[in-house]
């Protein structure tokens, strides 16, 4: 195969030489063999390209001195060493699909074998960061320094300093480091990510694969992007600027050299750049960072609801003209929402005058509200808009739901067939109540799903609890009869379900037999 490739290349060279000879022998063809003046780029076009290049150069010169590389290490018992290919339970955490999808193959270089029980310092990984204050305050991602007991910061001039203070917030994936330096350091200006538009140019800085002082360029591909993972709950900026393992924590800047995001994740099937990267918006990072610097922790407000996005089917069931707002799937007992009178199946449309588009938007707005202050909330209940007032509280470290009282509903274990859904159900018994955290008799649990029926098509499975049909809470036989009568009159009906994974609403064409 190598010989064939060389032969093909050689053959191509001979053909080119032959054609060159023909052009030389033919005077009329000689002009076509060389570039004419008309082939050169117009001076104005070159000037415009040079102007953009000059902007990239200027931003890079301004930004690079304030970008740092971060190395982390920690002492771990040798007996607990992860032995790739030979772990006692046969697993490798760095092969976790989520980890590899967003951070590639950046497993630490650790030795195999020795389970002597001694401790040794091991490298945990590398990342990037940037200076936000000349005194040596650095911003990066929380996951870059997570689990480390030693964090080394390398400045752009090569000097290394040990971080004496590390403060982080895993929820926003933001961390603040402090290093002691003998002089003032160059620091970056914070921009406004909310002014960025899709299509705007951006530059990403960092140390991908340990390659310090790397700059890549791209555009803002999307805003308010949500990843389908509970560990990345905030809205992110999406960019096609090349972001690779090691870029995490580095700045994403606009063409004025202002930070508008922190590079945080990549979507990859190969362990490297696949054209889709994400950044924490700097507005969120600054809000978190300011609190970490001042108090060492982040105080968030909360409402006390579990929100669910409203899709087209749910919007139809709620008689909304377009899908917007969020549906309340759960209200925490004693929470601000509970005290304000919010109920399951209410749709939240606005909070403090800000329109709610989805669950992430609600959480992003709610957590930044002033703790202890009262705000107006516009909801949709039973087809009518209503305004309530809610006094927000600080998000508790642990939200404990109080014990529920036992229900006096019908609790016999007889099967009930709901023909419209094609499912057999029975009232929640002790085992299901314990598993799902329900009262005995509080709802119906699916015991059998007919093949090809509506229940099967919408994904109902044995073990799923149906807590409501429409607006009727199911606790007695009369509740069920009433709910079914009302549902048969509707084109779309909401079912409120609970599984071990949580609660949710789904909208179904209840009276359809198709």
Protein backbone atom coordinates (compact mmCIF):
# COMPACT_ATOMS: atom_id res chain seq x y z
CA UNK A 1 0.00 0.00 0.00
CA UNK A 2 2.85 2.38 0.74
CA UNK A 3 4.43 1.59 -2.64
CA UNK A 4 1.09 2.26 -4.36
CA UNK A 5 0.72 5.64 -2.65
CA UNK A 6 4.21 6.67 -3.68
CA UNK A 7 3.54 5.57 -7.22
CA UNK A 8 0.35 7.55 -7.46
CA UNK A 9 2.11 10.62 -6.12
CA UNK A 10 4.96 10.15 -8.54
CA UNK A 11 2.54 9.68 -11.41
CA UNK A 12 0.81 12.91 -10.49
CA UNK A 13 4.14 14.72 -10.55
CA UNK A 14 4.96 13.38 -14.01
CA UNK A 15 1.60 14.47 -15.36
CA UNK A 16 2.08 17.95 -13.99
CA UNK A 17 5.54 18.15 -15.51
CA UNK A 18 4.15 17.06 -18.87
CA UNK A 19 1.42 19.66 -18.76
CA UNK A 20 3.97 22.28 -17.78
CA UNK A 21 5.99 21.39 -20.89
CA UNK A 22 2.91 21.75 -23.08
CA UNK A 23 2.17 25.15 -21.61
CA UNK A 24 5.74 26.21 -22.24
CA UNK A 25 5.57 25.12 -25.90
CA UNK A 26 2.29 26.93 -26.49
CA UNK A 27 2.64 30.73 -26.25
CA UNK A 28 -1.12 31.20 -26.23
CA UNK A 29 -1.40 29.03 -23.16
CA UNK A 30 1.40 30.60 -21.14
CA UNK A 31 -0.84 33.39 -19.87
CA UNK A 32 -3.25 30.85 -18.42
CA UNK A 33 -0.43 29.03 -16.62
CA UNK A 34 0.41 32.05 -14.48
CA UNK A 35 -1.78 34.14 -12.19
CA UNK A 36 -3.04 37.33 -13.78
CA UNK A 37 -3.66 40.58 -11.95
CA UNK A 38 -7.38 39.85 -11.97
CA UNK A 39 -6.72 36.72 -9.85
CA UNK A 40 -5.47 38.76 -6.89
CA UNK A 41 -7.87 39.62 -4.06
CA UNK A 42 -9.28 43.16 -4.11
CA UNK A 43 -7.38 45.48 -1.79
CA UNK A 44 -10.58 46.41 0.06
CA UNK A 45 -11.38 42.76 0.79
CA UNK A 46 -7.86 42.13 2.07
CA UNK A 47 -8.07 45.23 4.23
CA UNK A 48 -11.31 44.02 5.80
CA UNK A 49 -9.81 40.60 6.53
CA UNK A 50 -6.69 42.23 7.97
CA UNK A 51 -8.89 44.41 10.14
CA UNK A 52 -10.57 41.34 11.65
CA UNK A 53 -7.19 39.67 12.12
CA UNK A 54 -5.95 42.77 13.91
CA UNK A 55 -8.91 42.53 16.28
CA UNK A 56 -8.09 38.89 17.03
CA UNK A 57 -4.44 39.83 17.63
CA UNK A 58 -5.37 42.72 19.90
CA UNK A 59 -7.77 40.64 21.99
CA UNK A 60 -5.22 37.83 22.27
CA UNK A 61 -2.46 40.20 23.40
CA UNK A 62 -4.79 41.68 26.00
CA UNK A 63 -6.15 38.36 27.28
CA UNK A 64 -3.27 35.87 27.29
CA UNK A 65 -1.27 37.47 30.14
CA UNK A 66 -4.26 36.95 32.45
CA UNK A 67 -4.94 33.32 31.51
CA UNK A 68 -3.51 30.65 33.82
CA UNK A 69 -3.02 26.89 33.76
CA UNK A 70 -4.12 24.84 36.75
CA UNK A 71 -2.72 21.53 37.97
CA UNK A 72 -4.38 19.60 40.79
CA UNK A 73 -3.19 16.74 42.96
CA UNK A 74 -4.27 14.89 46.04
CA UNK A 75 -3.14 12.25 48.48
CA UNK A 76 -5.05 9.02 48.12
CA UNK A 77 -4.67 5.59 49.74
CA UNK A 78 -2.86 3.20 47.46
CA UNK A 79 -5.25 0.44 48.46
CA UNK A 80 -8.08 2.44 46.90
CA UNK A 81 -6.16 3.07 43.70
CA UNK A 82 -8.18 2.82 40.53
CA UNK A 83 -6.44 0.16 38.46
CA UNK A 84 -7.52 0.64 34.87
CA UNK A 85 -8.33 -2.74 33.40
CA UNK A 86 -7.93 -4.43 36.76
CA UNK A 87 -10.23 -2.63 39.21
CA UNK A 88 -11.70 -4.96 41.85
CA UNK A 89 -15.25 -4.25 40.69
CA UNK A 90 -14.25 -4.17 37.02
CA UNK A 91 -15.28 -0.56 36.49
CA UNK A 92 -13.41 2.55 35.46
CA UNK A 93 -14.99 5.88 36.48
CA UNK A 94 -13.26 7.64 33.61
CA UNK A 95 -15.22 5.42 31.22
CA UNK A 96 -18.47 6.88 32.55
CA UNK A 97 -20.42 7.98 29.42
CA UNK A 98 -21.22 11.43 30.84
CA UNK A 99 -17.61 12.04 31.84
CA UNK A 100 -16.21 10.98 28.47
CA UNK A 101 -18.91 12.83 26.52
CA UNK A 102 -18.12 16.18 28.04
CA UNK A 103 -14.49 15.95 29.14
CA UNK A 104 -12.95 13.33 26.87
CA UNK A 105 -10.30 10.84 27.93
CA UNK A 106 -8.33 12.78 30.55
CA UNK A 107 -7.80 9.97 33.00
CA UNK A 108 -4.91 10.58 35.38
CA UNK A 109 -1.64 8.82 34.71
CA UNK A 110 -1.51 6.52 37.72
CA UNK A 111 0.54 3.37 38.23
CA UNK A 112 -1.03 -0.07 38.46
CA UNK A 113 -0.74 -2.63 41.10
CA UNK A 114 0.46 -1.94 44.67
CA UNK A 115 -2.32 -2.21 47.22
CA UNK A 116 -0.03 -1.73 50.20
CA UNK A 117 -2.32 0.77 51.91
CA UNK A 118 0.18 3.63 51.85
CA UNK A 119 -0.70 7.09 50.58
CA UNK A 120 0.84 8.85 47.64
CA UNK A 121 0.29 12.14 45.89
CA UNK A 122 -1.26 11.78 42.49
CA UNK A 123 -2.09 14.20 39.73
CA UNK A 124 -5.85 14.60 39.44
CA UNK A 125 -5.95 16.63 36.27
CA UNK A 126 -5.34 19.91 34.49
CA UNK A 127 -7.47 22.87 33.59
CA UNK A 128 -7.43 26.58 32.96
CA UNK A 129 -8.49 29.78 34.69
CA UNK A 130 -8.20 33.54 34.46
CA UNK A 131 -7.26 36.40 36.76
CA UNK A 132 -10.16 38.64 37.77
CA UNK A 133 -8.32 40.81 40.31
CA UNK A 134 -4.69 42.06 40.27
CA UNK A 135 -4.21 40.82 43.85
CA UNK A 136 -4.20 37.23 42.58
CA UNK A 137 -7.86 36.21 42.56
CA UNK A 138 -8.58 33.62 39.87
CA UNK A 139 -11.82 32.22 38.49
CA UNK A 140 -12.17 28.70 37.10
CA UNK A 141 -14.60 25.77 37.07
CA UNK A 142 -15.45 23.94 40.28
CA UNK A 143 -14.90 20.57 38.60
CA UNK A 144 -11.31 21.57 37.75
CA UNK A 145 -10.36 21.70 41.45
CA UNK A 146 -12.88 19.23 42.84
CA UNK A 147 -11.30 16.64 45.13
CA UNK A 148 -7.87 18.28 45.14
CA UNK A 149 -5.91 19.08 48.29
CA UNK A 150 -3.25 20.96 46.34
CA UNK A 151 -3.87 23.36 43.46
CA UNK A 152 -0.93 24.79 41.52
CA UNK A 153 -1.48 27.85 39.33
CA UNK A 154 0.93 28.56 36.49
CA UNK A 155 0.95 32.13 35.22
CA UNK A 156 1.46 33.04 31.59
CA UNK A 157 5.13 33.85 32.29
CA UNK A 158 5.71 30.31 33.58
CA UNK A 159 5.86 31.06 37.31
CA UNK A 160 3.96 28.66 39.56
CA UNK A 161 2.11 29.42 42.80
CA UNK A 162 0.19 27.24 45.19
CA UNK A 163 -3.39 28.39 45.74
CA UNK A 164 -3.78 29.21 49.44
CA UNK A 165 -7.57 29.48 49.31
CA UNK A 166 -10.00 27.50 47.16
CA UNK A 167 -13.72 28.24 47.25
CA UNK A 168 -16.18 26.55 44.94
CA UNK A 169 -19.84 26.15 44.09
CA UNK A 170 -20.60 22.85 42.39
CA UNK A 171 -24.11 23.84 41.38
CA UNK A 172 -22.89 26.63 39.08
CA UNK A 173 -19.53 24.91 38.40
CA UNK A 174 -17.62 28.01 39.50
CA UNK A 175 -14.55 28.22 41.75
CA UNK A 176 -12.43 31.08 43.11
CA UNK A 177 -8.72 30.65 43.86
CA UNK A 178 -6.36 33.01 45.70
CA UNK A 179 -2.61 33.04 45.14
CA UNK A 180 -0.04 35.26 46.88
CA UNK A 181 2.07 37.21 44.40
CA UNK A 182 4.69 39.93 44.97
CA UNK A 183 3.21 42.32 42.40
CA UNK A 184 -0.07 43.22 40.78
CA UNK A 185 -1.15 40.88 38.00
CA UNK A 186 -2.96 41.65 34.75
CA UNK A 187 -6.69 41.01 35.18
CA UNK A 188 -9.52 40.62 32.69
CA UNK A 189 -12.60 42.80 32.41
CA UNK A 190 -16.01 41.22 32.90
CA UNK A 191 -18.43 41.72 30.02
CA UNK A 192 -22.17 41.23 29.65
CA UNK A 193 -23.19 37.89 28.18
CA UNK A 194 -26.80 39.09 27.92
CA UNK A 195 -25.75 41.55 25.20
CA UNK A 196 -24.20 38.79 23.10
CA UNK A 197 -26.21 37.63 20.10
CA UNK A 198 -26.17 34.37 18.20
CA UNK A 199 -23.53 34.76 15.50
CA UNK A 200 -21.24 37.09 17.49
CA UNK A 201 -17.52 36.30 17.31
CA UNK A 202 -15.85 34.90 20.43
CA UNK A 203 -12.37 33.66 21.36
CA UNK A 204 -11.69 30.76 23.75
CA UNK A 205 -8.49 30.70 25.81
CA UNK A 206 -6.91 27.92 27.84
CA UNK A 207 -4.54 24.97 27.93
CA UNK A 208 -6.12 22.14 25.92
CA UNK A 209 -4.16 18.90 26.34
CA UNK A 210 -1.64 20.89 28.40
CA UNK A 211 -0.83 23.24 25.50
CA UNK A 212 -0.52 26.56 27.32
CA UNK A 213 -1.57 29.91 25.85
CA UNK A 214 -3.88 28.42 23.22
CA UNK A 215 -6.44 30.61 21.45
CA UNK A 216 -9.34 29.41 19.27
CA UNK A 217 -12.12 31.37 17.63
CA UNK A 218 -15.75 30.81 16.79
CA UNK A 219 -19.19 32.29 17.27
CA UNK A 220 -22.01 32.13 19.78
CA UNK A 221 -24.02 29.20 18.42
CA UNK A 222 -26.89 29.38 20.92
CA UNK A 223 -27.87 30.99 24.20
CA UNK A 224 -29.73 29.64 27.24
CA UNK A 225 -28.78 26.13 26.22
CA UNK A 226 -29.64 23.40 28.73
CA UNK A 227 -27.86 20.06 28.96
CA UNK A 228 -29.98 17.02 29.72
CA UNK A 229 -28.11 16.18 32.88
CA UNK A 230 -28.88 17.06 36.52
CA UNK A 231 -25.26 18.03 37.13
CA UNK A 232 -25.50 20.87 34.60
CA UNK A 233 -28.75 22.58 35.56
CA UNK A 234 -27.92 26.14 34.56
CA UNK A 235 -28.44 27.76 31.18
CA UNK A 236 -25.22 27.78 29.14
CA UNK A 237 -23.74 29.58 26.16
CA UNK A 238 -23.05 27.31 23.20
CA UNK A 239 -20.10 28.00 20.91
CA UNK A 240 -18.27 26.36 18.04
CA UNK A 241 -14.92 27.76 19.21
CA UNK A 242 -12.68 24.73 19.69
CA UNK A 243 -12.82 23.64 23.33
CA UNK A 244 -10.88 20.54 24.31
CA UNK A 245 -9.94 18.77 27.56
CA UNK A 246 -7.82 21.24 29.54
CA UNK A 247 -9.82 24.26 28.32
CA UNK A 248 -12.21 23.94 31.26
CA UNK A 249 -12.12 27.06 33.41
CA UNK A 250 -10.60 29.28 30.72
CA UNK A 251 -12.30 32.48 29.56
CA UNK A 252 -14.60 32.88 26.58
CA UNK A 253 -14.23 36.51 25.50
CA UNK A 254 -15.89 38.90 23.07
CA UNK A 255 -14.03 41.03 20.53
CA UNK A 256 -13.57 43.77 23.11
CA UNK A 257 -11.53 41.40 25.23
CA UNK A 258 -14.23 41.09 27.91
CA UNK A 259 -15.04 37.78 29.54
CA UNK A 260 -18.55 36.64 28.67
CA UNK A 261 -18.30 33.00 29.80
CA UNK A 262 -16.22 30.24 31.41
CA UNK A 263 -15.42 27.30 29.13
CA UNK A 264 -16.94 24.34 30.92
CA UNK A 265 -17.90 21.39 28.73
CA UNK A 266 -17.67 19.87 25.28
CA UNK A 267 -19.89 17.46 23.42
CA UNK A 268 -17.62 14.81 22.01
CA UNK A 269 -17.66 11.27 20.72
CA UNK A 270 -13.91 11.16 20.20
CA UNK A 271 -12.50 12.74 23.37
CA UNK A 272 -11.75 15.95 21.49
CA UNK A 273 -13.42 18.86 19.73
CA UNK A 274 -16.60 17.98 17.80
CA UNK A 275 -17.78 21.51 17.09
CA UNK A 276 -20.03 21.93 20.13
CA UNK A 277 -18.79 23.57 23.31
CA UNK A 278 -20.44 25.20 26.30
CA UNK A 279 -19.62 28.02 28.69
CA UNK A 280 -21.10 29.20 31.99
CA UNK A 281 -22.46 32.73 31.36
CA UNK A 282 -20.28 35.28 33.12
CA UNK A 283 -23.32 36.96 34.67
CA UNK A 284 -23.97 33.78 36.65
CA UNK A 285 -20.26 33.22 37.32
CA UNK A 286 -19.83 36.75 38.68
CA UNK A 287 -22.93 36.47 40.89
CA UNK A 288 -21.55 33.24 42.34
CA UNK A 289 -17.94 34.44 42.48
CA UNK A 290 -18.77 37.65 44.34
CA UNK A 291 -20.50 35.63 47.07
CA UNK A 292 -17.67 33.10 47.28
CA UNK A 293 -15.15 35.92 47.72
CA UNK A 294 -17.25 37.71 50.32
CA UNK A 295 -18.85 34.88 52.30
CA UNK A 296 -17.22 31.66 51.12
CA UNK A 297 -20.58 30.24 50.08
CA UNK A 298 -23.51 31.01 47.81
CA UNK A 299 -26.92 31.96 49.20
CA UNK A 300 -29.74 31.14 46.81
CA UNK A 301 -33.42 31.89 47.06
CA UNK A 302 -35.95 29.19 46.31
CA UNK A 303 -39.66 28.80 45.76
CA UNK A 304 -40.12 25.17 46.77
CA UNK A 305 -41.64 23.70 43.63
CA UNK A 306 -40.63 21.00 41.17
CA UNK A 307 -41.29 22.58 37.76
CA UNK A 308 -41.96 20.78 34.49
CA UNK A 309 -41.66 22.21 31.00
CA UNK A 310 -44.90 22.69 29.09
CA UNK A 311 -44.91 21.10 25.65
CA UNK A 312 -47.52 21.51 22.91
CA UNK A 313 -49.75 18.71 24.20
CA UNK A 314 -49.72 19.98 27.79
CA UNK A 315 -50.36 23.52 26.52
CA UNK A 316 -53.44 22.25 24.68
CA UNK A 317 -54.68 20.50 27.82
CA UNK A 318 -54.21 23.74 29.78
CA UNK A 319 -55.87 25.78 26.99
CA UNK A 320 -52.72 27.82 26.42
CA UNK A 321 -52.36 29.28 22.93
CA UNK A 322 -48.63 28.51 22.86
CA UNK A 323 -46.34 26.43 25.10
CA UNK A 324 -44.94 28.73 27.78
CA UNK A 325 -44.54 28.80 31.52
CA UNK A 326 -43.93 25.73 33.69
CA UNK A 327 -46.26 23.26 35.32
CA UNK A 328 -45.89 22.60 39.04
CA UNK A 329 -45.36 18.87 39.55
CA UNK A 330 -44.63 19.08 43.27
CA UNK A 331 -44.82 21.62 46.10
CA UNK A 332 -42.52 21.24 49.10
CA UNK A 333 -44.49 21.33 52.33
CA UNK A 334 -43.77 24.48 54.34
CA UNK A 335 -41.88 26.12 51.47
CA UNK A 336 -42.47 29.69 50.23
CA UNK A 337 -44.59 28.28 47.40
CA UNK A 338 -46.69 26.26 49.83
CA UNK A 339 -47.21 29.27 52.09
CA UNK A 340 -48.16 31.42 49.09
CA UNK A 341 -50.86 28.94 48.08
CA UNK A 342 -49.26 27.49 44.96
CA UNK A 343 -50.65 24.07 44.08
CA UNK A 344 -49.76 21.06 42.00
CA UNK A 345 -50.97 21.58 38.41
CA UNK A 346 -50.71 25.37 38.62
CA UNK A 347 -48.77 26.80 35.69
CA UNK A 348 -46.30 29.55 36.59
CA UNK A 349 -46.28 32.16 33.82
CA UNK A 350 -44.35 35.07 35.38
CA UNK A 351 -42.17 35.78 38.40
CA UNK A 352 -41.44 39.40 39.34
CA UNK A 353 -42.59 40.56 35.92
CA UNK A 354 -40.25 38.19 34.08
CA UNK A 355 -41.87 35.72 31.70
CA UNK A 356 -41.10 32.07 32.37
CA UNK A 357 -40.29 30.01 29.28
CA UNK A 358 -39.11 26.76 30.84
CA UNK A 359 -38.00 25.13 34.08
CA UNK A 360 -34.37 26.24 33.73
CA UNK A 361 -35.48 29.84 33.28
CA UNK A 362 -37.61 29.64 36.42
CA UNK A 363 -34.72 28.26 38.47
CA UNK A 364 -32.31 30.85 37.06
CA UNK A 365 -34.66 33.70 38.00
CA UNK A 366 -35.75 32.32 41.36
CA UNK A 367 -32.30 31.63 42.79
CA UNK A 368 -31.23 35.26 42.30
CA UNK A 369 -34.25 36.82 44.01
CA UNK A 370 -33.54 38.73 47.22
CA UNK A 371 -34.02 36.41 50.18
CA UNK A 372 -36.83 37.57 52.47
CA UNK A 373 -38.43 39.82 49.87
CA UNK A 374 -41.96 39.36 48.48
CA UNK A 375 -42.53 39.04 44.72
CA UNK A 376 -45.59 38.79 42.47
CA UNK A 377 -46.15 35.46 40.72
CA UNK A 378 -48.63 35.05 37.86
CA UNK A 379 -50.11 31.57 37.58
CA UNK A 380 -52.71 29.78 35.49
CA UNK A 381 -55.20 27.76 37.54
CA UNK A 382 -58.30 26.09 36.11
CA UNK A 383 -57.90 28.07 32.91
CA UNK A 384 -57.74 31.47 34.60
CA UNK A 385 -54.75 33.69 35.32
CA UNK A 386 -54.21 34.64 38.93
CA UNK A 387 -51.57 36.70 40.73
CA UNK A 388 -50.14 35.54 44.05
CA UNK A 389 -47.46 37.02 46.30
CA UNK A 390 -44.59 34.85 47.44
CA UNK A 391 -41.97 35.64 50.07
CA UNK A 392 -38.83 33.78 49.03
CA UNK A 393 -36.54 32.08 51.51
CA UNK A 394 -32.96 30.85 51.39
CA UNK A 395 -32.51 27.49 49.73
CA UNK A 396 -31.96 25.03 52.61
CA UNK A 397 -28.93 22.78 52.59
CA UNK A 398 -31.24 19.81 52.83
CA UNK A 399 -34.92 19.93 52.06
CA UNK A 400 -36.71 17.36 54.18
CA UNK A 401 -40.29 16.56 53.37
CA UNK A 402 -42.43 16.04 56.47
CA UNK A 403 -44.07 12.69 56.98
CA UNK A 404 -47.38 12.29 55.24
CA UNK A 405 -50.54 11.30 57.04
CA UNK A 406 -52.12 7.99 56.17
CA UNK A 407 -55.04 8.19 53.76
CA UNK A 408 -58.48 6.81 54.45
CA UNK A 409 -59.12 6.09 50.78
CA UNK A 410 -60.25 2.80 49.34
CA UNK A 411 -57.18 0.59 49.66
CA UNK A 412 -58.30 -2.81 48.49
CA UNK A 413 -56.02 -4.59 46.07
CA UNK A 414 -58.62 -5.33 43.40
CA UNK A 415 -57.68 -4.58 39.81
CA UNK A 416 -59.46 -1.77 37.95
CA UNK A 417 -59.43 -1.53 34.15
CA UNK A 418 -59.22 1.93 32.57
CA UNK A 419 -60.28 1.12 29.02
CA UNK A 420 -59.38 4.50 27.53
CA UNK A 421 -55.75 4.07 28.60
CA UNK A 422 -55.55 0.34 28.10
CA UNK A 423 -54.10 -0.22 31.56
CA UNK A 424 -55.07 -2.16 34.64
CA UNK A 425 -54.53 -0.39 37.94
CA UNK A 426 -55.10 -0.86 41.64
CA UNK A 427 -55.03 1.49 44.60
CA UNK A 428 -51.58 2.16 46.02
CA UNK A 429 -50.68 -0.54 48.55
CA UNK A 430 -48.09 -0.54 51.32
CA UNK A 431 -45.14 -1.71 49.19
CA UNK A 432 -45.72 0.88 46.45
CA UNK A 433 -46.40 3.57 49.04
CA UNK A 434 -43.05 2.86 50.68
CA UNK A 435 -41.21 2.75 47.36
CA UNK A 436 -42.64 6.01 46.00
CA UNK A 437 -43.11 7.91 49.26
CA UNK A 438 -46.89 8.00 48.95
CA UNK A 439 -49.80 7.52 51.29
CA UNK A 440 -51.60 4.19 51.18
CA UNK A 441 -54.46 4.63 48.73
CA UNK A 442 -53.10 7.91 47.38
CA UNK A 443 -53.45 7.23 43.68
CA UNK A 444 -53.55 4.24 41.39
CA UNK A 445 -50.55 2.10 40.50
CA UNK A 446 -50.34 0.54 37.04
CA UNK A 447 -50.20 -3.25 37.26
CA UNK A 448 -50.63 -4.22 33.60
CA UNK A 449 -50.33 -2.42 30.26
CA UNK A 450 -52.15 -3.68 27.17
CA UNK A 451 -49.92 -4.06 24.13
CA UNK A 452 -50.73 -1.44 21.51
CA UNK A 453 -52.98 0.54 23.84
CA UNK A 454 -52.74 4.25 24.58
CA UNK A 455 -50.95 3.57 27.85
CA UNK A 456 -48.26 1.59 26.06
CA UNK A 457 -47.87 4.27 23.39
CA UNK A 458 -47.35 7.04 25.94
CA UNK A 459 -44.88 4.97 27.94
CA UNK A 460 -46.88 3.90 31.00
CA UNK A 461 -45.22 0.99 32.76
CA UNK A 462 -46.16 -1.30 35.65
CA UNK A 463 -45.21 0.39 38.90
CA UNK A 464 -46.08 3.91 37.72
CA UNK A 465 -48.52 5.67 40.04
CA UNK A 466 -51.30 7.83 38.57
CA UNK A 467 -52.01 10.51 41.17
CA UNK A 468 -54.37 12.72 39.19
CA UNK A 469 -56.48 12.58 36.07
CA UNK A 470 -57.19 16.10 34.90
CA UNK A 471 -57.59 18.27 37.98
CA UNK A 472 -59.01 15.48 40.14
CA UNK A 473 -56.81 13.96 42.81
CA UNK A 474 -57.38 10.21 43.05
CA UNK A 475 -58.09 8.99 46.58
CA UNK A 476 -61.47 7.28 46.41
CA UNK A 477 -63.58 5.35 43.94
CA UNK A 478 -65.82 8.37 43.47
CA UNK A 479 -62.73 10.47 42.65
CA UNK A 480 -61.84 8.04 39.88
CA UNK A 481 -65.40 7.96 38.52
CA UNK A 482 -65.58 11.76 38.49
CA UNK A 483 -62.15 12.08 36.86
CA UNK A 484 -63.02 9.63 34.08
CA UNK A 485 -66.33 11.37 33.34
CA UNK A 486 -64.59 14.74 33.01
CA UNK A 487 -61.71 13.30 30.99
CA UNK A 488 -64.03 11.76 28.38
CA UNK A 489 -65.24 15.28 27.51
CA UNK A 490 -61.74 16.60 26.76
CA UNK A 491 -59.48 16.37 23.72
CA UNK A 492 -56.32 16.40 25.85
CA UNK A 493 -56.11 15.41 29.51
CA UNK A 494 -53.24 15.75 31.97
CA UNK A 495 -52.12 12.71 33.91
CA UNK A 496 -50.01 13.36 37.00
CA UNK A 497 -47.61 10.45 37.47
CA UNK A 498 -45.03 9.37 40.00
CA UNK A 499 -42.18 6.89 39.54
CA UNK A 500 -39.01 6.22 41.54
CA UNK A 501 -37.39 8.91 39.32
CA UNK A 502 -39.82 11.65 40.36
CA UNK A 503 -43.13 13.22 39.40
CA UNK A 504 -44.29 14.51 36.02
CA UNK A 505 -47.33 15.51 34.00
CA UNK A 506 -48.09 14.03 30.60
CA UNK A 507 -50.84 15.09 28.23
CA UNK A 508 -52.85 12.33 26.53
CA UNK A 509 -55.69 12.22 23.94
CA UNK A 510 -57.92 10.50 26.48
CA UNK A 511 -61.00 9.87 24.33
CA UNK A 512 -59.02 8.73 21.29
CA UNK A 513 -59.16 5.07 20.31
CA UNK A 514 -56.71 5.44 17.37
